Amino acid sequence: MRFQPILCVALAAAFALPLSAHAGKWPAGTRETFLQECNASATNNVEQKKVTSYCNCAADTVTSKFNDKEIAELNSTNPPPTVSLRDRMLKEVKVCNQ
């Protein structure tokens, strides 16, 4: 089952990432919010174990591929995340679909 749409729904409005990448840290509470929104976006026909695994992989991928500043921008609401930032994040977390 493909989980990209799950992540897209959960993260499109709340999370986005800029273009450079270095491992970073999540600001307090943002990783937990990321995981909650990712898990909540799963449809009823997706096994919870798979959803949890995917969401954890996605969060770990964000941690390893983006620096502190970029991760802090995950919760940016003003200005909202750009399409290019969302696209980069979705591209990076595709590895979690396997």
PDB file of N, CA and C in Angstrom:
ATOM      1  N   MET A   1       0.832  -1.176   0.000  1.00  0.00           N
ATOM      2  CA  MET A   1       0.000   0.000   0.000  1.00  0.00           C
ATOM      3  C   MET A   1       0.875   1.235   0.000  1.00  0.00           C
ATOM      4  N   ARG A   2       0.489   2.224  -0.731  1.00  0.00           N
ATOM      5  CA  ARG A   2       1.270   3.460  -0.815  1.00  0.00           C
ATOM      6  C   ARG A   2       0.857   4.410   0.296  1.00  0.00           C
ATOM      7  N   PHE A   3       1.821   4.955   0.990  1.00  0.00           N
ATOM      8  CA  PHE A   3       1.552   5.853   2.099  1.00  0.00           C
ATOM      9  C   PHE A   3       1.837   7.315   1.784  1.00  0.00           C
ATOM     10  N   GLN A   4       2.317   7.618   0.585  1.00  0.00           N
ATOM     11  CA  GLN A   4       2.612   9.007   0.247  1.00  0.00           C
ATOM     12  C   GLN A   4       1.384   9.898   0.416  1.00  0.00           C
ATOM     13  N   PRO A   5       0.190   9.466  -0.022  1.00  0.00           N
ATOM     14  CA  PRO A   5      -0.973  10.336   0.182  1.00  0.00           C
ATOM     15  C   PRO A   5      -1.270  10.594   1.654  1.00  0.00           C
ATOM     16  N   ILE A   6      -0.987   9.624   2.506  1.00  0.00           N
ATOM     17  CA  ILE A   6      -1.206   9.808   3.940  1.00  0.00           C
ATOM     18  C   ILE A   6      -0.348  10.951   4.446  1.00  0.00           C
ATOM     19  N   LEU A   7       0.924  10.899   4.118  1.00  0.00           N
ATOM     20  CA  LEU A   7       1.829  11.942   4.582  1.00  0.00           C
ATOM     21  C   LEU A   7       1.475  13.280   3.969  1.00  0.00           C
ATOM     22  N   CYS A   8       1.122  13.279   2.725  1.00  0.00           N
ATOM     23  CA  CYS A   8       0.784  14.518   2.036  1.00  0.00           C
ATOM     24  C   CYS A   8      -0.379  15.221   2.723  1.00  0.00           C
ATOM     25  N   VAL A   9      -1.414  14.495   3.065  1.00  0.00           N
ATOM     26  CA  VAL A   9      -2.573  15.071   3.730  1.00  0.00           C
ATOM     27  C   VAL A   9      -2.195  15.605   5.098  1.00  0.00           C
ATOM     28  N   ALA A  10      -1.423  14.824   5.842  1.00  0.00           N
ATOM     29  CA  ALA A  10      -1.076  15.214   7.197  1.00  0.00           C
ATOM     30  C   ALA A  10      -0.133  16.399   7.257  1.00  0.00           C
ATOM     31  N   LEU A  11       0.751  16.482   6.306  1.00  0.00           N
ATOM     32  CA  LEU A  11       1.814  17.454   6.408  1.00  0.00           C
ATOM     33  C   LEU A  11       1.692  18.659   5.501  1.00  0.00           C
ATOM     34  N   ALA A  12       0.917  18.559   4.468  1.00  0.00           N
ATOM     35  CA  ALA A  12       0.870  19.627   3.471  1.00  0.00           C
ATOM     36  C   ALA A  12       0.535  20.978   4.086  1.00  0.00           C
ATOM     37  N   ALA A  13      -0.415  21.005   4.988  1.00  0.00           N
ATOM     38  CA  ALA A  13      -0.821  22.276   5.564  1.00  0.00           C
ATOM     39  C   ALA A  13       0.090  22.747   6.685  1.00  0.00           C
ATOM     40  N   ALA A  14       0.703  21.799   7.401  1.00  0.00           N
ATOM     41  CA  ALA A  14       1.451  22.176   8.592  1.00  0.00           C
ATOM     42  C   ALA A  14       2.958  22.150   8.444  1.00  0.00           C
ATOM     43  N   PHE A  15       3.477  21.361   7.523  1.00  0.00           N
ATOM     44  CA  PHE A  15       4.918  21.173   7.448  1.00  0.00           C
ATOM     45  C   PHE A  15       5.464  21.430   6.057  1.00  0.00           C
ATOM     46  N   ALA A  16       6.665  21.934   6.019  1.00  0.00           N
ATOM     47  CA  ALA A  16       7.384  22.100   4.757  1.00  0.00           C
ATOM     48  C   ALA A  16       8.857  22.295   5.082  1.00  0.00           C
ATOM     49  N   LEU A  17       9.693  22.088   4.089  1.00  0.00           N
ATOM     50  CA  LEU A  17      11.123  22.173   4.326  1.00  0.00           C
ATOM     51  C   LEU A  17      11.831  22.922   3.210  1.00  0.00           C
ATOM     52  N   PRO A  18      12.798  23.755   3.565  1.00  0.00           N
ATOM     53  CA  PRO A  18      13.574  24.449   2.550  1.00  0.00           C
ATOM     54  C   PRO A  18      14.589  23.569   1.843  1.00  0.00           C
ATOM     55  N   LEU A  19      15.435  24.181   1.035  1.00  0.00           N
ATOM     56  CA  LEU A  19      16.217  23.419   0.083  1.00  0.00           C
ATOM     57  C   LEU A  19      17.556  22.857   0.542  1.00  0.00           C
ATOM     58  N   SER A  20      18.235  23.377   1.520  1.00  0.00           N
ATOM     59  CA  SER A  20      19.520  22.794   1.915  1.00  0.00           C
ATOM     60  C   SER A  20      19.302  21.728   2.977  1.00  0.00           C
ATOM     61  N   ALA A  21      20.333  20.865   3.170  1.00  0.00           N
ATOM     62  CA  ALA A  21      20.100  19.740   4.070  1.00  0.00           C
ATOM     63  C   ALA A  21      21.327  19.378   4.891  1.00  0.00           C
ATOM     64  N   HIS A  22      21.126  19.277   6.194  1.00  0.00           N
ATOM     65  CA  HIS A  22      22.097  18.775   7.164  1.00  0.00           C
ATOM     66  C   HIS A  22      21.281  18.280   8.345  1.00  0.00           C
ATOM     67  N   ALA A  23      21.727  17.226   8.983  1.00  0.00           N
ATOM     68  CA  ALA A  23      20.970  16.661  10.096  1.00  0.00           C
ATOM     69  C   ALA A  23      20.683  17.732  11.140  1.00  0.00           C
ATOM     70  N   GLY A  24      19.493  17.704  11.671  1.00  0.00           N
ATOM     71  CA  GLY A  24      19.100  18.712  12.643  1.00  0.00           C
ATOM     72  C   GLY A  24      18.231  18.147  13.739  1.00  0.00           C
ATOM     73  N   LYS A  25      17.756  19.047  14.601  1.00  0.00           N
ATOM     74  CA  LYS A  25      16.894  18.673  15.714  1.00  0.00           C
ATOM     75  C   LYS A  25      15.528  19.311  15.532  1.00  0.00           C
ATOM     76  N   TRP A  26      14.517  18.639  16.051  1.00  0.00           N
ATOM     77  CA  TRP A  26      13.162  19.172  16.035  1.00  0.00           C
ATOM     78  C   TRP A  26      13.015  20.126  17.218  1.00  0.00           C
ATOM     79  N   PRO A  27      12.381  21.282  17.012  1.00  0.00           N
ATOM     80  CA  PRO A  27      12.050  22.133  18.164  1.00  0.00           C
ATOM     81  C   PRO A  27      11.093  21.384  19.091  1.00  0.00           C
ATOM     82  N   ALA A  28      11.065  21.763  20.335  1.00  0.00           N
ATOM     83  CA  ALA A  28      10.240  21.085  21.342  1.00  0.00           C
ATOM     84  C   ALA A  28       8.805  20.892  20.857  1.00  0.00           C
ATOM     85  N   GLY A  29       8.352  19.656  20.900  1.00  0.00           N
ATOM     86  CA  GLY A  29       6.977  19.321  20.576  1.00  0.00           C
ATOM     87  C   GLY A  29       6.652  19.126  19.108  1.00  0.00           C
ATOM     88  N   THR A  30       7.516  19.569  18.191  1.00  0.00           N
ATOM     89  CA  THR A  30       7.147  19.487  16.785  1.00  0.00           C
ATOM     90  C   THR A  30       7.225  18.075  16.227  1.00  0.00           C
ATOM     91  N   ARG A  31       8.177  17.269  16.686  1.00  0.00           N
ATOM     92  CA  ARG A  31       8.238  15.882  16.206  1.00  0.00           C
ATOM     93  C   ARG A  31       6.979  15.128  16.636  1.00  0.00           C
ATOM     94  N   GLU A  32       6.554  15.332  17.862  1.00  0.00           N
ATOM     95  CA  GLU A  32       5.348  14.672  18.364  1.00  0.00           C
ATOM     96  C   GLU A  32       4.122  15.097  17.561  1.00  0.00           C
ATOM     97  N   THR A  33       4.034  16.378  17.238  1.00  0.00           N
ATOM     98  CA  THR A  33       2.924  16.871  16.429  1.00  0.00           C
ATOM     99  C   THR A  33       2.970  16.245  15.036  1.00  0.00           C
ATOM    100  N   PHE A  34       4.151  16.189  14.452  1.00  0.00           N
ATOM    101  CA  PHE A  34       4.345  15.564  13.151  1.00  0.00           C
ATOM    102  C   PHE A  34       3.829  14.129  13.168  1.00  0.00           C
ATOM    103  N   LEU A  35       4.248  13.358  14.175  1.00  0.00           N
ATOM    104  CA  LEU A  35       3.835  11.956  14.268  1.00  0.00           C
ATOM    105  C   LEU A  35       2.331  11.817  14.483  1.00  0.00           C
ATOM    106  N   GLN A  36       1.760  12.659  15.335  1.00  0.00           N
ATOM    107  CA  GLN A  36       0.317  12.602  15.581  1.00  0.00           C
ATOM    108  C   GLN A  36      -0.480  12.903  14.316  1.00  0.00           C
ATOM    109  N   GLU A  37      -0.083  13.938  13.591  1.00  0.00           N
ATOM    110  CA  GLU A  37      -0.806  14.298  12.381  1.00  0.00           C
ATOM    111  C   GLU A  37      -0.627  13.250  11.289  1.00  0.00           C
ATOM    112  N   CYS A  38       0.558  12.703  11.200  1.00  0.00           N
ATOM    113  CA  CYS A  38       0.807  11.649  10.219  1.00  0.00           C
ATOM    114  C   CYS A  38      -0.067  10.428  10.532  1.00  0.00           C
ATOM    115  N   ASN A  39      -0.071   9.994  11.781  1.00  0.00           N
ATOM    116  CA  ASN A  39      -0.877   8.840  12.181  1.00  0.00           C
ATOM    117  C   ASN A  39      -2.369   9.109  12.021  1.00  0.00           C
ATOM    118  N   ALA A  40      -2.804  10.309  12.352  1.00  0.00           N
ATOM    119  CA  ALA A  40      -4.223  10.647  12.257  1.00  0.00           C
ATOM    120  C   ALA A  40      -4.719  10.677  10.813  1.00  0.00           C
ATOM    121  N   SER A  41      -3.827  10.885   9.882  1.00  0.00           N
ATOM    122  CA  SER A  41      -4.247  10.992   8.482  1.00  0.00           C
ATOM    123  C   SER A  41      -4.473   9.633   7.825  1.00  0.00           C
ATOM    124  N   ALA A  42      -4.098   8.566   8.497  1.00  0.00           N
ATOM    125  CA  ALA A  42      -4.255   7.226   7.917  1.00  0.00           C
ATOM    126  C   ALA A  42      -5.731   6.884   7.759  1.00  0.00           C
ATOM    127  N   THR A  43      -6.036   6.208   6.676  1.00  0.00           N
ATOM    128  CA  THR A  43      -7.412   5.753   6.471  1.00  0.00           C
ATOM    129  C   THR A  43      -7.656   4.484   7.280  1.00  0.00           C
ATOM    130  N   ASN A  44      -8.898   4.139   7.478  1.00  0.00           N
ATOM    131  CA  ASN A  44      -9.256   2.977   8.291  1.00  0.00           C
ATOM    132  C   ASN A  44      -8.755   1.654   7.723  1.00  0.00           C
ATOM    133  N   ASN A  45      -8.522   1.598   6.428  1.00  0.00           N
ATOM    134  CA  ASN A  45      -8.117   0.332   5.823  1.00  0.00           C
ATOM    135  C   ASN A  45      -6.602   0.120   5.825  1.00  0.00           C
ATOM    136  N   VAL A  46      -5.854   0.995   6.492  1.00  0.00           N
ATOM    137  CA  VAL A  46      -4.404   0.845   6.587  1.00  0.00           C
ATOM    138  C   VAL A  46      -4.065   0.314   7.975  1.00  0.00           C
ATOM    139  N   GLU A  47      -3.304  -0.755   8.004  1.00  0.00           N
ATOM    140  CA  GLU A  47      -2.897  -1.364   9.266  1.00  0.00           C
ATOM    141  C   GLU A  47      -2.099  -0.361  10.101  1.00  0.00           C
ATOM    142  N   GLN A  48      -2.482  -0.183  11.366  1.00  0.00           N
ATOM    143  CA  GLN A  48      -1.857   0.816  12.232  1.00  0.00           C
ATOM    144  C   GLN A  48      -0.349   0.596  12.378  1.00  0.00           C
ATOM    145  N   LYS A  49       0.084  -0.633  12.410  1.00  0.00           N
ATOM    146  CA  LYS A  49       1.516  -0.928  12.531  1.00  0.00           C
ATOM    147  C   LYS A  49       2.285  -0.343  11.347  1.00  0.00           C
ATOM    148  N   LYS A  50       1.721  -0.457  10.150  1.00  0.00           N
ATOM    149  CA  LYS A  50       2.368   0.087   8.951  1.00  0.00           C
ATOM    150  C   LYS A  50       2.379   1.610   8.980  1.00  0.00           C
ATOM    151  N   VAL A  51       1.295   2.200   9.429  1.00  0.00           N
ATOM    152  CA  VAL A  51       1.207   3.655   9.514  1.00  0.00           C
ATOM    153  C   VAL A  51       2.246   4.182  10.497  1.00  0.00           C
ATOM    154  N   THR A  52       2.330   3.569  11.658  1.00  0.00           N
ATOM    155  CA  THR A  52       3.291   3.992  12.675  1.00  0.00           C
ATOM    156  C   THR A  52       4.713   3.869  12.158  1.00  0.00           C
ATOM    157  N   SER A  53       4.997   2.762  11.503  1.00  0.00           N
ATOM    158  CA  SER A  53       6.325   2.555  10.937  1.00  0.00           C
ATOM    159  C   SER A  53       6.651   3.617   9.897  1.00  0.00           C
ATOM    160  N   TYR A  54       5.701   3.899   9.016  1.00  0.00           N
ATOM    161  CA  TYR A  54       5.900   4.912   7.989  1.00  0.00           C
ATOM    162  C   TYR A  54       6.129   6.287   8.608  1.00  0.00           C
ATOM    163  N   CYS A  55       5.308   6.656   9.562  1.00  0.00           N
ATOM    164  CA  CYS A  55       5.413   7.985  10.167  1.00  0.00           C
ATOM    165  C   CYS A  55       6.734   8.154  10.908  1.00  0.00           C
ATOM    166  N   ASN A  56       7.163   7.125  11.618  1.00  0.00           N
ATOM    167  CA  ASN A  56       8.456   7.187  12.304  1.00  0.00           C
ATOM    168  C   ASN A  56       9.594   7.308  11.296  1.00  0.00           C
ATOM    169  N   CYS A  57       9.516   6.564  10.219  1.00  0.00           N
ATOM    170  CA  CYS A  57      10.526   6.651   9.158  1.00  0.00           C
ATOM    171  C   CYS A  57      10.551   8.058   8.573  1.00  0.00           C
ATOM    172  N   ALA A  58       9.392   8.620   8.313  1.00  0.00           N
ATOM    173  CA  ALA A  58       9.319   9.969   7.745  1.00  0.00           C
ATOM    174  C   ALA A  58       9.949  10.994   8.689  1.00  0.00           C
ATOM    175  N   ALA A  59       9.640  10.898   9.972  1.00  0.00           N
ATOM    176  CA  ALA A  59      10.223  11.827  10.953  1.00  0.00           C
ATOM    177  C   ALA A  59      11.735  11.656  11.034  1.00  0.00           C
ATOM    178  N   ASP A  60      12.200  10.412  11.028  1.00  0.00           N
ATOM    179  CA  ASP A  60      13.646  10.162  11.062  1.00  0.00           C
ATOM    180  C   ASP A  60      14.331  10.687   9.805  1.00  0.00           C
ATOM    181  N   THR A  61      13.679  10.548   8.671  1.00  0.00           N
ATOM    182  CA  THR A  61      14.230  11.044   7.416  1.00  0.00           C
ATOM    183  C   THR A  61      14.352  12.561   7.451  1.00  0.00           C
ATOM    184  N   VAL A  62      13.330  13.231   7.947  1.00  0.00           N
ATOM    185  CA  VAL A  62      13.383  14.679   8.077  1.00  0.00           C
ATOM    186  C   VAL A  62      14.548  15.071   8.984  1.00  0.00           C
ATOM    187  N   THR A  63      14.712  14.366  10.085  1.00  0.00           N
ATOM    188  CA  THR A  63      15.802  14.652  11.014  1.00  0.00           C
ATOM    189  C   THR A  63      17.163  14.523  10.339  1.00  0.00           C
ATOM    190  N   SER A  64      17.315  13.506   9.518  1.00  0.00           N
ATOM    191  CA  SER A  64      18.621  13.259   8.909  1.00  0.00           C
ATOM    192  C   SER A  64      18.893  14.089   7.662  1.00  0.00           C
ATOM    193  N   LYS A  65      17.873  14.576   7.004  1.00  0.00           N
ATOM    194  CA  LYS A  65      18.051  15.275   5.732  1.00  0.00           C
ATOM    195  C   LYS A  65      17.990  16.802   5.830  1.00  0.00           C
ATOM    196  N   PHE A  66      17.558  17.330   6.968  1.00  0.00           N
ATOM    197  CA  PHE A  66      17.372  18.767   7.093  1.00  0.00           C
ATOM    198  C   PHE A  66      18.043  19.298   8.349  1.00  0.00           C
ATOM    199  N   ASN A  67      18.504  20.552   8.275  1.00  0.00           N
ATOM    200  CA  ASN A  67      19.180  21.144   9.432  1.00  0.00           C
ATOM    201  C   ASN A  67      18.170  21.742  10.413  1.00  0.00           C
ATOM    202  N   ASP A  68      18.702  22.262  11.542  1.00  0.00           N
ATOM    203  CA  ASP A  68      17.847  22.811  12.595  1.00  0.00           C
ATOM    204  C   ASP A  68      16.910  23.899  12.080  1.00  0.00           C
ATOM    205  N   LYS A  69      17.443  24.808  11.290  1.00  0.00           N
ATOM    206  CA  LYS A  69      16.630  25.914  10.780  1.00  0.00           C
ATOM    207  C   LYS A  69      15.499  25.394   9.904  1.00  0.00           C
ATOM    208  N   GLU A  70      15.817  24.450   9.062  1.00  0.00           N
ATOM    209  CA  GLU A  70      14.800  23.896   8.163  1.00  0.00           C
ATOM    210  C   GLU A  70      13.723  23.159   8.947  1.00  0.00           C
ATOM    211  N   ILE A  71      14.138  22.405   9.931  1.00  0.00           N
ATOM    212  CA  ILE A  71      13.164  21.678  10.741  1.00  0.00           C
ATOM    213  C   ILE A  71      12.283  22.656  11.516  1.00  0.00           C
ATOM    214  N   ALA A  72      12.865  23.745  11.993  1.00  0.00           N
ATOM    215  CA  ALA A  72      12.076  24.755  12.702  1.00  0.00           C
ATOM    216  C   ALA A  72      11.009  25.359  11.802  1.00  0.00           C
ATOM    217  N   GLU A  73      11.271  25.406  10.514  1.00  0.00           N
ATOM    218  CA  GLU A  73      10.310  25.960   9.562  1.00  0.00           C
ATOM    219  C   GLU A  73       9.148  25.013   9.275  1.00  0.00           C
ATOM    220  N   LEU A  74       9.183  23.824   9.818  1.00  0.00           N
ATOM    221  CA  LEU A  74       8.075  22.880   9.621  1.00  0.00           C
ATOM    222  C   LEU A  74       6.743  23.441  10.085  1.00  0.00           C
ATOM    223  N   ASN A  75       6.768  24.244  11.125  1.00  0.00           N
ATOM    224  CA  ASN A  75       5.528  24.793  11.673  1.00  0.00           C
ATOM    225  C   ASN A  75       5.229  26.196  11.183  1.00  0.00           C
ATOM    226  N   SER A  76       5.946  26.628  10.185  1.00  0.00           N
ATOM    227  CA  SER A  76       5.749  27.993   9.689  1.00  0.00           C
ATOM    228  C   SER A  76       4.321  28.199   9.183  1.00  0.00           C
ATOM    229  N   THR A  77       3.688  29.217   9.707  1.00  0.00           N
ATOM    230  CA  THR A  77       2.353  29.581   9.213  1.00  0.00           C
ATOM    231  C   THR A  77       2.363  30.957   8.557  1.00  0.00           C
ATOM    232  N   ASN A  78       3.426  31.717   8.777  1.00  0.00           N
ATOM    233  CA  ASN A  78       3.515  33.050   8.210  1.00  0.00           C
ATOM    234  C   ASN A  78       4.953  33.329   7.796  1.00  0.00           C
ATOM    235  N   PRO A  79       5.300  33.148   6.547  1.00  0.00           N
ATOM    236  CA  PRO A  79       4.433  32.710   5.456  1.00  0.00           C
ATOM    237  C   PRO A  79       4.220  31.201   5.491  1.00  0.00           C
ATOM    238  N   PRO A  80       3.160  30.743   4.863  1.00  0.00           N
ATOM    239  CA  PRO A  80       2.927  29.298   4.821  1.00  0.00           C
ATOM    240  C   PRO A  80       3.987  28.608   3.959  1.00  0.00           C
ATOM    241  N   PRO A  81       4.167  27.324   4.165  1.00  0.00           N
ATOM    242  CA  PRO A  81       5.152  26.576   3.377  1.00  0.00           C
ATOM    243  C   PRO A  81       4.850  26.661   1.877  1.00  0.00           C
ATOM    244  N   THR A  82       5.899  26.716   1.092  1.00  0.00           N
ATOM    245  CA  THR A  82       5.736  26.765  -0.358  1.00  0.00           C
ATOM    246  C   THR A  82       5.580  25.359  -0.921  1.00  0.00           C
ATOM    247  N   VAL A  83       5.079  25.285  -2.123  1.00  0.00           N
ATOM    248  CA  VAL A  83       4.919  24.005  -2.806  1.00  0.00           C
ATOM    249  C   VAL A  83       6.272  23.335  -2.994  1.00  0.00           C
ATOM    250  N   SER A  84       7.289  24.103  -3.342  1.00  0.00           N
ATOM    251  CA  SER A  84       8.614  23.518  -3.563  1.00  0.00           C
ATOM    252  C   SER A  84       9.174  22.900  -2.287  1.00  0.00           C
ATOM    253  N   LEU A  85       8.902  23.494  -1.144  1.00  0.00           N
ATOM    254  CA  LEU A  85       9.365  22.933   0.123  1.00  0.00           C
ATOM    255  C   LEU A  85       8.633  21.632   0.437  1.00  0.00           C
ATOM    256  N   ARG A  86       7.339  21.634   0.240  1.00  0.00           N
ATOM    257  CA  ARG A  86       6.546  20.411   0.450  1.00  0.00           C
ATOM    258  C   ARG A  86       6.999  19.309  -0.478  1.00  0.00           C
ATOM    259  N   ASP A  87       7.237  19.672  -1.735  1.00  0.00           N
ATOM    260  CA  ASP A  87       7.671  18.670  -2.718  1.00  0.00           C
ATOM    261  C   ASP A  87       8.997  18.034  -2.324  1.00  0.00           C
ATOM    262  N   ARG A  88       9.921  18.839  -1.835  1.00  0.00           N
ATOM    263  CA  ARG A  88      11.210  18.286  -1.412  1.00  0.00           C
ATOM    264  C   ARG A  88      11.037  17.317  -0.254  1.00  0.00           C
ATOM    265  N   MET A  89      10.215  17.696   0.715  1.00  0.00           N
ATOM    266  CA  MET A  89       9.974  16.821   1.857  1.00  0.00           C
ATOM    267  C   MET A  89       9.347  15.512   1.397  1.00  0.00           C
ATOM    268  N   LEU A  90       8.353  15.590   0.531  1.00  0.00           N
ATOM    269  CA  LEU A  90       7.707  14.376   0.031  1.00  0.00           C
ATOM    270  C   LEU A  90       8.672  13.501  -0.748  1.00  0.00           C
ATOM    271  N   LYS A  91       9.546  14.121  -1.509  1.00  0.00           N
ATOM    272  CA  LYS A  91      10.559  13.362  -2.258  1.00  0.00           C
ATOM    273  C   LYS A  91      11.493  12.624  -1.290  1.00  0.00           C
ATOM    274  N   GLU A  92      11.927  13.302  -0.252  1.00  0.00           N
ATOM    275  CA  GLU A  92      12.850  12.691   0.713  1.00  0.00           C
ATOM    276  C   GLU A  92      12.217  11.519   1.473  1.00  0.00           C
ATOM    277  N   VAL A  93      10.943  11.624   1.812  1.00  0.00           N
ATOM    278  CA  VAL A  93      10.315  10.573   2.614  1.00  0.00           C
ATOM    279  C   VAL A  93       9.779   9.407   1.774  1.00  0.00           C
ATOM    280  N   LYS A  94       9.928   9.486   0.465  1.00  0.00           N
ATOM    281  CA  LYS A  94       9.502   8.350  -0.383  1.00  0.00           C
ATOM    282  C   LYS A  94      10.193   7.044   0.006  1.00  0.00           C
ATOM    283  N   VAL A  95      11.396   7.149   0.571  1.00  0.00           N
ATOM    284  CA  VAL A  95      12.107   5.945   0.985  1.00  0.00           C
ATOM    285  C   VAL A  95      11.310   5.163   2.034  1.00  0.00           C
ATOM    286  N   CYS A  96      10.402   5.821   2.697  1.00  0.00           N
ATOM    287  CA  CYS A  96       9.603   5.179   3.748  1.00  0.00           C
ATOM    288  C   CYS A  96       8.471   4.325   3.185  1.00  0.00           C
ATOM    289  N   ASN A  97       8.189   4.443   1.906  1.00  0.00           N
ATOM    290  CA  ASN A  97       7.128   3.650   1.291  1.00  0.00           C
ATOM    291  C   ASN A  97       7.510   2.192   1.119  1.00  0.00           C
ATOM    292  N   GLN A  98       8.775   1.884   1.285  1.00  0.00           N
ATOM    293  CA  GLN A  98       9.245   0.509   1.042  1.00  0.00           C
ATOM    294  C   GLN A  98       9.130  -0.356   2.266  1.00  0.00           C
TER     295      GLN A  98
END
